Amino acid sequence: MKLGILDTVSLAATLVLALPIALLGIDRIIAGEAALGGAFVAIGVLMVLLREKLTTPSDVPTSAAQKVVGKVAKTDDDEE
């Protein structure tokens, strides 16, 4: 999966929010609260997965622009 600059920044922002939640879940699992900890870990993982899989209204123009640029400007790797 190739990530552009905006995709990379968006993923980093999502990870900044998701990692503390998942780490809290791991801490709760270690403390003996498996159900609560598992829920927090699941929420953290879902935050990242949903960001990758869901298409939001703001993604549509970006996707269209990337397709147009991909057709107009081909790199050496694309021509092979």
PDB file of N, CA and C in Angstrom:
ATOM      1  N   MET A   1       0.843  -1.160   0.000  1.00  0.00           N
ATOM      2  CA  MET A   1       0.000   0.000   0.000  1.00  0.00           C
ATOM      3  C   MET A   1       0.898   1.235   0.000  1.00  0.00           C
ATOM      4  N   LYS A   2       0.737   2.085  -1.010  1.00  0.00           N
ATOM      5  CA  LYS A   2       1.491   3.324  -1.085  1.00  0.00           C
ATOM      6  C   LYS A   2       0.723   4.420  -0.357  1.00  0.00           C
ATOM      7  N   LEU A   3       1.414   5.142   0.500  1.00  0.00           N
ATOM      8  CA  LEU A   3       0.801   6.246   1.212  1.00  0.00           C
ATOM      9  C   LEU A   3       1.413   7.549   0.733  1.00  0.00           C
ATOM     10  N   GLY A   4       0.554   8.507   0.427  1.00  0.00           N
ATOM     11  CA  GLY A   4       1.027   9.835   0.086  1.00  0.00           C
ATOM     12  C   GLY A   4       1.333  10.609   1.364  1.00  0.00           C
ATOM     13  N   ILE A   5       1.731  11.844   1.194  1.00  0.00           N
ATOM     14  CA  ILE A   5       2.076  12.672   2.347  1.00  0.00           C
ATOM     15  C   ILE A   5       0.859  12.897   3.234  1.00  0.00           C
ATOM     16  N   LEU A   6      -0.276  13.237   2.632  1.00  0.00           N
ATOM     17  CA  LEU A   6      -1.480  13.483   3.424  1.00  0.00           C
ATOM     18  C   LEU A   6      -1.947  12.217   4.125  1.00  0.00           C
ATOM     19  N   ASP A   7      -1.841  11.080   3.459  1.00  0.00           N
ATOM     20  CA  ASP A   7      -2.229   9.814   4.077  1.00  0.00           C
ATOM     21  C   ASP A   7      -1.321   9.482   5.258  1.00  0.00           C
ATOM     22  N   THR A   8      -0.047   9.768   5.112  1.00  0.00           N
ATOM     23  CA  THR A   8       0.904   9.496   6.186  1.00  0.00           C
ATOM     24  C   THR A   8       0.633  10.381   7.398  1.00  0.00           C
ATOM     25  N   VAL A   9       0.359  11.651   7.164  1.00  0.00           N
ATOM     26  CA  VAL A   9       0.049  12.570   8.264  1.00  0.00           C
ATOM     27  C   VAL A   9      -1.251  12.149   8.948  1.00  0.00           C
ATOM     28  N   SER A  10      -2.231  11.756   8.160  1.00  0.00           N
ATOM     29  CA  SER A  10      -3.502  11.311   8.718  1.00  0.00           C
ATOM     30  C   SER A  10      -3.329  10.046   9.557  1.00  0.00           C
ATOM     31  N   LEU A  11      -2.528   9.112   9.074  1.00  0.00           N
ATOM     32  CA  LEU A  11      -2.265   7.892   9.836  1.00  0.00           C
ATOM     33  C   LEU A  11      -1.529   8.218  11.130  1.00  0.00           C
ATOM     34  N   ALA A  12      -0.574   9.123  11.070  1.00  0.00           N
ATOM     35  CA  ALA A  12       0.165   9.511  12.275  1.00  0.00           C
ATOM     36  C   ALA A  12      -0.770  10.144  13.309  1.00  0.00           C
ATOM     37  N   ALA A  13      -1.686  10.988  12.854  1.00  0.00           N
ATOM     38  CA  ALA A  13      -2.643  11.608  13.775  1.00  0.00           C
ATOM     39  C   ALA A  13      -3.551  10.558  14.406  1.00  0.00           C
ATOM     40  N   THR A  14      -3.965   9.586  13.616  1.00  0.00           N
ATOM     41  CA  THR A  14      -4.800   8.513  14.152  1.00  0.00           C
ATOM     42  C   THR A  14      -4.030   7.696  15.180  1.00  0.00           C
ATOM     43  N   LEU A  15      -2.773   7.403  14.887  1.00  0.00           N
ATOM     44  CA  LEU A  15      -1.963   6.631  15.832  1.00  0.00           C
ATOM     45  C   LEU A  15      -1.715   7.394  17.129  1.00  0.00           C
ATOM     46  N   VAL A  16      -1.581   8.717  17.036  1.00  0.00           N
ATOM     47  CA  VAL A  16      -1.394   9.529  18.238  1.00  0.00           C
ATOM     48  C   VAL A  16      -2.595   9.377  19.169  1.00  0.00           C
ATOM     49  N   LEU A  17      -3.778   9.223  18.596  1.00  0.00           N
ATOM     50  CA  LEU A  17      -4.976   9.048  19.414  1.00  0.00           C
ATOM     51  C   LEU A  17      -5.206   7.592  19.818  1.00  0.00           C
ATOM     52  N   ALA A  18      -4.877   6.653  18.948  1.00  0.00           N
ATOM     53  CA  ALA A  18      -5.205   5.247  19.191  1.00  0.00           C
ATOM     54  C   ALA A  18      -4.206   4.550  20.116  1.00  0.00           C
ATOM     55  N   LEU A  19      -2.939   4.901  20.025  1.00  0.00           N
ATOM     56  CA  LEU A  19      -1.932   4.209  20.836  1.00  0.00           C
ATOM     57  C   LEU A  19      -2.128   4.376  22.347  1.00  0.00           C
ATOM     58  N   PRO A  20      -2.437   5.567  22.858  1.00  0.00           N
ATOM     59  CA  PRO A  20      -2.672   5.656  24.308  1.00  0.00           C
ATOM     60  C   PRO A  20      -3.865   4.811  24.768  1.00  0.00           C
ATOM     61  N   ILE A  21      -4.886   4.711  23.942  1.00  0.00           N
ATOM     62  CA  ILE A  21      -6.043   3.892  24.302  1.00  0.00           C
ATOM     63  C   ILE A  21      -5.646   2.419  24.356  1.00  0.00           C
ATOM     64  N   ALA A  22      -4.898   1.969  23.346  1.00  0.00           N
ATOM     65  CA  ALA A  22      -4.457   0.573  23.324  1.00  0.00           C
ATOM     66  C   ALA A  22      -3.494   0.286  24.480  1.00  0.00           C
ATOM     67  N   LEU A  23      -2.618   1.226  24.792  1.00  0.00           N
ATOM     68  CA  LEU A  23      -1.689   1.027  25.913  1.00  0.00           C
ATOM     69  C   LEU A  23      -2.429   0.984  27.245  1.00  0.00           C
ATOM     70  N   LEU A  24      -3.476   1.779  27.388  1.00  0.00           N
ATOM     71  CA  LEU A  24      -4.311   1.704  28.582  1.00  0.00           C
ATOM     72  C   LEU A  24      -4.941   0.317  28.683  1.00  0.00           C
ATOM     73  N   GLY A  25      -5.375  -0.206  27.548  1.00  0.00           N
ATOM     74  CA  GLY A  25      -5.943  -1.547  27.534  1.00  0.00           C
ATOM     75  C   GLY A  25      -4.936  -2.598  27.965  1.00  0.00           C
ATOM     76  N   ILE A  26      -3.714  -2.485  27.481  1.00  0.00           N
ATOM     77  CA  ILE A  26      -2.668  -3.440  27.878  1.00  0.00           C
ATOM     78  C   ILE A  26      -2.389  -3.323  29.376  1.00  0.00           C
ATOM     79  N   ASP A  27      -2.381  -2.098  29.884  1.00  0.00           N
ATOM     80  CA  ASP A  27      -2.172  -1.887  31.315  1.00  0.00           C
ATOM     81  C   ASP A  27      -3.297  -2.527  32.128  1.00  0.00           C
ATOM     82  N   ARG A  28      -4.524  -2.372  31.680  1.00  0.00           N
ATOM     83  CA  ARG A  28      -5.670  -2.972  32.384  1.00  0.00           C
ATOM     84  C   ARG A  28      -5.614  -4.494  32.324  1.00  0.00           C
ATOM     85  N   ILE A  29      -5.162  -5.058  31.198  1.00  0.00           N
ATOM     86  CA  ILE A  29      -5.029  -6.518  31.094  1.00  0.00           C
ATOM     87  C   ILE A  29      -3.989  -7.013  32.091  1.00  0.00           C
ATOM     88  N   ILE A  30      -2.869  -6.314  32.186  1.00  0.00           N
ATOM     89  CA  ILE A  30      -1.816  -6.696  33.135  1.00  0.00           C
ATOM     90  C   ILE A  30      -2.316  -6.573  34.573  1.00  0.00           C
ATOM     91  N   ALA A  31      -3.176  -5.576  34.830  1.00  0.00           N
ATOM     92  CA  ALA A  31      -3.715  -5.369  36.177  1.00  0.00           C
ATOM     93  C   ALA A  31      -4.794  -6.389  36.531  1.00  0.00           C
ATOM     94  N   GLY A  32      -5.177  -7.226  35.584  1.00  0.00           N
ATOM     95  CA  GLY A  32      -6.147  -8.271  35.882  1.00  0.00           C
ATOM     96  C   GLY A  32      -7.558  -7.995  35.398  1.00  0.00           C
ATOM     97  N   GLU A  33      -7.785  -6.866  34.782  1.00  0.00           N
ATOM     98  CA  GLU A  33      -9.112  -6.531  34.257  1.00  0.00           C
ATOM     99  C   GLU A  33      -9.133  -6.837  32.760  1.00  0.00           C
ATOM    100  N   ALA A  34      -9.260  -8.119  32.442  1.00  0.00           N
ATOM    101  CA  ALA A  34      -9.121  -8.568  31.055  1.00  0.00           C
ATOM    102  C   ALA A  34     -10.221  -8.028  30.151  1.00  0.00           C
ATOM    103  N   ALA A  35     -11.447  -7.994  30.626  1.00  0.00           N
ATOM    104  CA  ALA A  35     -12.557  -7.541  29.778  1.00  0.00           C
ATOM    105  C   ALA A  35     -12.406  -6.059  29.424  1.00  0.00           C
ATOM    106  N   LEU A  36     -12.145  -5.250  30.433  1.00  0.00           N
ATOM    107  CA  LEU A  36     -11.978  -3.815  30.195  1.00  0.00           C
ATOM    108  C   LEU A  36     -10.743  -3.548  29.339  1.00  0.00           C
ATOM    109  N   GLY A  37      -9.653  -4.225  29.641  1.00  0.00           N
ATOM    110  CA  GLY A  37      -8.428  -4.058  28.863  1.00  0.00           C
ATOM    111  C   GLY A  37      -8.606  -4.490  27.426  1.00  0.00           C
ATOM    112  N   GLY A  38      -9.273  -5.614  27.222  1.00  0.00           N
ATOM    113  CA  GLY A  38      -9.538  -6.087  25.863  1.00  0.00           C
ATOM    114  C   GLY A  38     -10.389  -5.111  25.076  1.00  0.00           C
ATOM    115  N   ALA A  39     -11.349  -4.492  25.760  1.00  0.00           N
ATOM    116  CA  ALA A  39     -12.199  -3.504  25.092  1.00  0.00           C
ATOM    117  C   ALA A  39     -11.376  -2.298  24.645  1.00  0.00           C
ATOM    118  N   PHE A  40     -10.482  -1.823  25.507  1.00  0.00           N
ATOM    119  CA  PHE A  40      -9.648  -0.678  25.137  1.00  0.00           C
ATOM    120  C   PHE A  40      -8.704  -1.009  23.981  1.00  0.00           C
ATOM    121  N   VAL A  41      -8.121  -2.191  24.011  1.00  0.00           N
ATOM    122  CA  VAL A  41      -7.242  -2.604  22.911  1.00  0.00           C
ATOM    123  C   VAL A  41      -8.045  -2.694  21.617  1.00  0.00           C
ATOM    124  N   ALA A  42      -9.239  -3.264  21.693  1.00  0.00           N
ATOM    125  CA  ALA A  42     -10.088  -3.378  20.500  1.00  0.00           C
ATOM    126  C   ALA A  42     -10.460  -2.004  19.951  1.00  0.00           C
ATOM    127  N   ILE A  43     -10.755  -1.061  20.824  1.00  0.00           N
ATOM    128  CA  ILE A  43     -11.086   0.298  20.375  1.00  0.00           C
ATOM    129  C   ILE A  43      -9.890   0.928  19.666  1.00  0.00           C
ATOM    130  N   GLY A  44      -8.707   0.781  20.230  1.00  0.00           N
ATOM    131  CA  GLY A  44      -7.506   1.332  19.593  1.00  0.00           C
ATOM    132  C   GLY A  44      -7.252   0.733  18.224  1.00  0.00           C
ATOM    133  N   VAL A  45      -7.403  -0.578  18.114  1.00  0.00           N
ATOM    134  CA  VAL A  45      -7.193  -1.246  16.825  1.00  0.00           C
ATOM    135  C   VAL A  45      -8.262  -0.822  15.824  1.00  0.00           C
ATOM    136  N   LEU A  46      -9.507  -0.746  16.274  1.00  0.00           N
ATOM    137  CA  LEU A  46     -10.591  -0.337  15.373  1.00  0.00           C
ATOM    138  C   LEU A  46     -10.406   1.089  14.863  1.00  0.00           C
ATOM    139  N   MET A  47      -9.859   1.969  15.698  1.00  0.00           N
ATOM    140  CA  MET A  47      -9.628   3.340  15.246  1.00  0.00           C
ATOM    141  C   MET A  47      -8.706   3.362  14.036  1.00  0.00           C
ATOM    142  N   VAL A  48      -7.663   2.556  14.062  1.00  0.00           N
ATOM    143  CA  VAL A  48      -6.714   2.529  12.948  1.00  0.00           C
ATOM    144  C   VAL A  48      -7.323   1.816  11.742  1.00  0.00           C
ATOM    145  N   LEU A  49      -7.973   0.690  11.972  1.00  0.00           N
ATOM    146  CA  LEU A  49      -8.551  -0.069  10.858  1.00  0.00           C
ATOM    147  C   LEU A  49      -9.663   0.700  10.157  1.00  0.00           C
ATOM    148  N   LEU A  50     -10.524   1.345  10.921  1.00  0.00           N
ATOM    149  CA  LEU A  50     -11.613   2.098  10.307  1.00  0.00           C
ATOM    150  C   LEU A  50     -11.090   3.298   9.528  1.00  0.00           C
ATOM    151  N   ARG A  51     -10.031   3.915  10.010  1.00  0.00           N
ATOM    152  CA  ARG A  51      -9.435   5.036   9.276  1.00  0.00           C
ATOM    153  C   ARG A  51      -8.912   4.573   7.924  1.00  0.00           C
ATOM    154  N   GLU A  52      -8.378   3.351   7.883  1.00  0.00           N
ATOM    155  CA  GLU A  52      -7.834   2.820   6.633  1.00  0.00           C
ATOM    156  C   GLU A  52      -8.922   2.351   5.676  1.00  0.00           C
ATOM    157  N   LYS A  53     -10.008   1.804   6.200  1.00  0.00           N
ATOM    158  CA  LYS A  53     -10.999   1.144   5.353  1.00  0.00           C
ATOM    159  C   LYS A  53     -12.185   2.020   4.965  1.00  0.00           C
ATOM    160  N   LEU A  54     -12.572   2.954   5.815  1.00  0.00           N
ATOM    161  CA  LEU A  54     -13.745   3.776   5.525  1.00  0.00           C
ATOM    162  C   LEU A  54     -13.405   4.904   4.560  1.00  0.00           C
ATOM    163  N   THR A  55     -14.334   5.189   3.680  1.00  0.00           N
ATOM    164  CA  THR A  55     -14.192   6.326   2.777  1.00  0.00           C
ATOM    165  C   THR A  55     -15.092   7.438   3.292  1.00  0.00           C
ATOM    166  N   THR A  56     -14.501   8.562   3.607  1.00  0.00           N
ATOM    167  CA  THR A  56     -15.266   9.697   4.095  1.00  0.00           C
ATOM    168  C   THR A  56     -15.488  10.676   2.948  1.00  0.00           C
ATOM    169  N   PRO A  57     -16.419  11.607   3.098  1.00  0.00           N
ATOM    170  CA  PRO A  57     -16.644  12.581   2.025  1.00  0.00           C
ATOM    171  C   PRO A  57     -15.395  13.376   1.647  1.00  0.00           C
ATOM    172  N   SER A  58     -14.500  13.594   2.587  1.00  0.00           N
ATOM    173  CA  SER A  58     -13.277  14.336   2.259  1.00  0.00           C
ATOM    174  C   SER A  58     -12.283  13.482   1.484  1.00  0.00           C
ATOM    175  N   ASP A  59     -12.445  12.158   1.502  1.00  0.00           N
ATOM    176  CA  ASP A  59     -11.545  11.273   0.761  1.00  0.00           C
ATOM    177  C   ASP A  59     -11.853  11.231  -0.730  1.00  0.00           C
ATOM    178  N   VAL A  60     -13.080  11.541  -1.115  1.00  0.00           N
ATOM    179  CA  VAL A  60     -13.479  11.419  -2.520  1.00  0.00           C
ATOM    180  C   VAL A  60     -12.697  12.384  -3.415  1.00  0.00           C
ATOM    181  N   PRO A  61     -12.625  13.693  -3.101  1.00  0.00           N
ATOM    182  CA  PRO A  61     -11.830  14.577  -3.964  1.00  0.00           C
ATOM    183  C   PRO A  61     -10.345  14.210  -3.982  1.00  0.00           C
ATOM    184  N   THR A  62      -9.818  13.785  -2.856  1.00  0.00           N
ATOM    185  CA  THR A  62      -8.414  13.383  -2.799  1.00  0.00           C
ATOM    186  C   THR A  62      -8.164  12.180  -3.682  1.00  0.00           C
ATOM    187  N   SER A  63      -9.053  11.210  -3.624  1.00  0.00           N
ATOM    188  CA  SER A  63      -8.915  10.014  -4.449  1.00  0.00           C
ATOM    189  C   SER A  63      -8.998  10.366  -5.932  1.00  0.00           C
ATOM    190  N   ALA A  64      -9.938  11.240  -6.287  1.00  0.00           N
ATOM    191  CA  ALA A  64     -10.076  11.643  -7.686  1.00  0.00           C
ATOM    192  C   ALA A  64      -8.828  12.380  -8.161  1.00  0.00           C
ATOM    193  N   ALA A  65      -8.294  13.263  -7.331  1.00  0.00           N
ATOM    194  CA  ALA A  65      -7.090  14.006  -7.711  1.00  0.00           C
ATOM    195  C   ALA A  65      -5.894  13.074  -7.868  1.00  0.00           C
ATOM    196  N   GLN A  66      -5.777  12.081  -7.006  1.00  0.00           N
ATOM    197  CA  GLN A  66      -4.661  11.147  -7.117  1.00  0.00           C
ATOM    198  C   GLN A  66      -4.762  10.320  -8.392  1.00  0.00           C
ATOM    199  N   LYS A  67      -5.978   9.956  -8.798  1.00  0.00           N
ATOM    200  CA  LYS A  67      -6.151   9.195 -10.036  1.00  0.00           C
ATOM    201  C   LYS A  67      -5.779  10.038 -11.249  1.00  0.00           C
ATOM    202  N   VAL A  68      -6.192  11.312 -11.245  1.00  0.00           N
ATOM    203  CA  VAL A  68      -5.879  12.199 -12.368  1.00  0.00           C
ATOM    204  C   VAL A  68      -4.376  12.422 -12.451  1.00  0.00           C
ATOM    205  N   VAL A  69      -3.750  12.704 -11.328  1.00  0.00           N
ATOM    206  CA  VAL A  69      -2.306  12.924 -11.320  1.00  0.00           C
ATOM    207  C   VAL A  69      -1.586  11.652 -11.742  1.00  0.00           C
ATOM    208  N   GLY A  70      -2.080  10.510 -11.320  1.00  0.00           N
ATOM    209  CA  GLY A  70      -1.464   9.244 -11.698  1.00  0.00           C
ATOM    210  C   GLY A  70      -1.522   8.991 -13.188  1.00  0.00           C
ATOM    211  N   LYS A  71      -2.587   9.446 -13.855  1.00  0.00           N
ATOM    212  CA  LYS A  71      -2.704   9.257 -15.300  1.00  0.00           C
ATOM    213  C   LYS A  71      -1.873  10.276 -16.067  1.00  0.00           C
ATOM    214  N   VAL A  72      -1.772  11.489 -15.539  1.00  0.00           N
ATOM    215  CA  VAL A  72      -1.062  12.553 -16.241  1.00  0.00           C
ATOM    216  C   VAL A  72       0.442  12.435 -16.041  1.00  0.00           C
ATOM    217  N   ALA A  73       0.873  12.272 -14.819  1.00  0.00           N
ATOM    218  CA  ALA A  73       2.305  12.248 -14.501  1.00  0.00           C
ATOM    219  C   ALA A  73       2.717  10.833 -14.141  1.00  0.00           C
ATOM    220  N   LYS A  74       3.331  10.163 -15.081  1.00  0.00           N
ATOM    221  CA  LYS A  74       3.817   8.809 -14.823  1.00  0.00           C
ATOM    222  C   LYS A  74       5.297   8.877 -14.466  1.00  0.00           C
ATOM    223  N   THR A  75       5.675   8.095 -13.476  1.00  0.00           N
ATOM    224  CA  THR A  75       7.084   8.020 -13.096  1.00  0.00           C
ATOM    225  C   THR A  75       7.737   6.869 -13.848  1.00  0.00           C
ATOM    226  N   ASP A  76       9.043   6.754 -13.712  1.00  0.00           N
ATOM    227  CA  ASP A  76       9.765   5.665 -14.369  1.00  0.00           C
ATOM    228  C   ASP A  76       9.290   4.304 -13.873  1.00  0.00           C
ATOM    229  N   ASP A  77       8.926   4.216 -12.604  1.00  0.00           N
ATOM    230  CA  ASP A  77       8.452   2.951 -12.045  1.00  0.00           C
ATOM    231  C   ASP A  77       7.128   2.532 -12.673  1.00  0.00           C
ATOM    232  N   ASP A  78       6.262   3.504 -12.986  1.00  0.00           N
ATOM    233  CA  ASP A  78       4.959   3.196 -13.571  1.00  0.00           C
ATOM    234  C   ASP A  78       5.075   2.702 -15.007  1.00  0.00           C
ATOM    235  N   GLU A  79       6.092   3.138 -15.722  1.00  0.00           N
ATOM    236  CA  GLU A  79       6.217   2.804 -17.137  1.00  0.00           C
ATOM    237  C   GLU A  79       6.739   1.393 -17.364  1.00  0.00           C
ATOM    238  N   GLU A  80       7.351   0.796 -16.367  1.00  0.00           N
ATOM    239  CA  GLU A  80       7.931  -0.542 -16.533  1.00  0.00           C
ATOM    240  C   GLU A  80       6.897  -1.614 -16.552  1.00  0.00           C
TER     241      GLU A  80
END
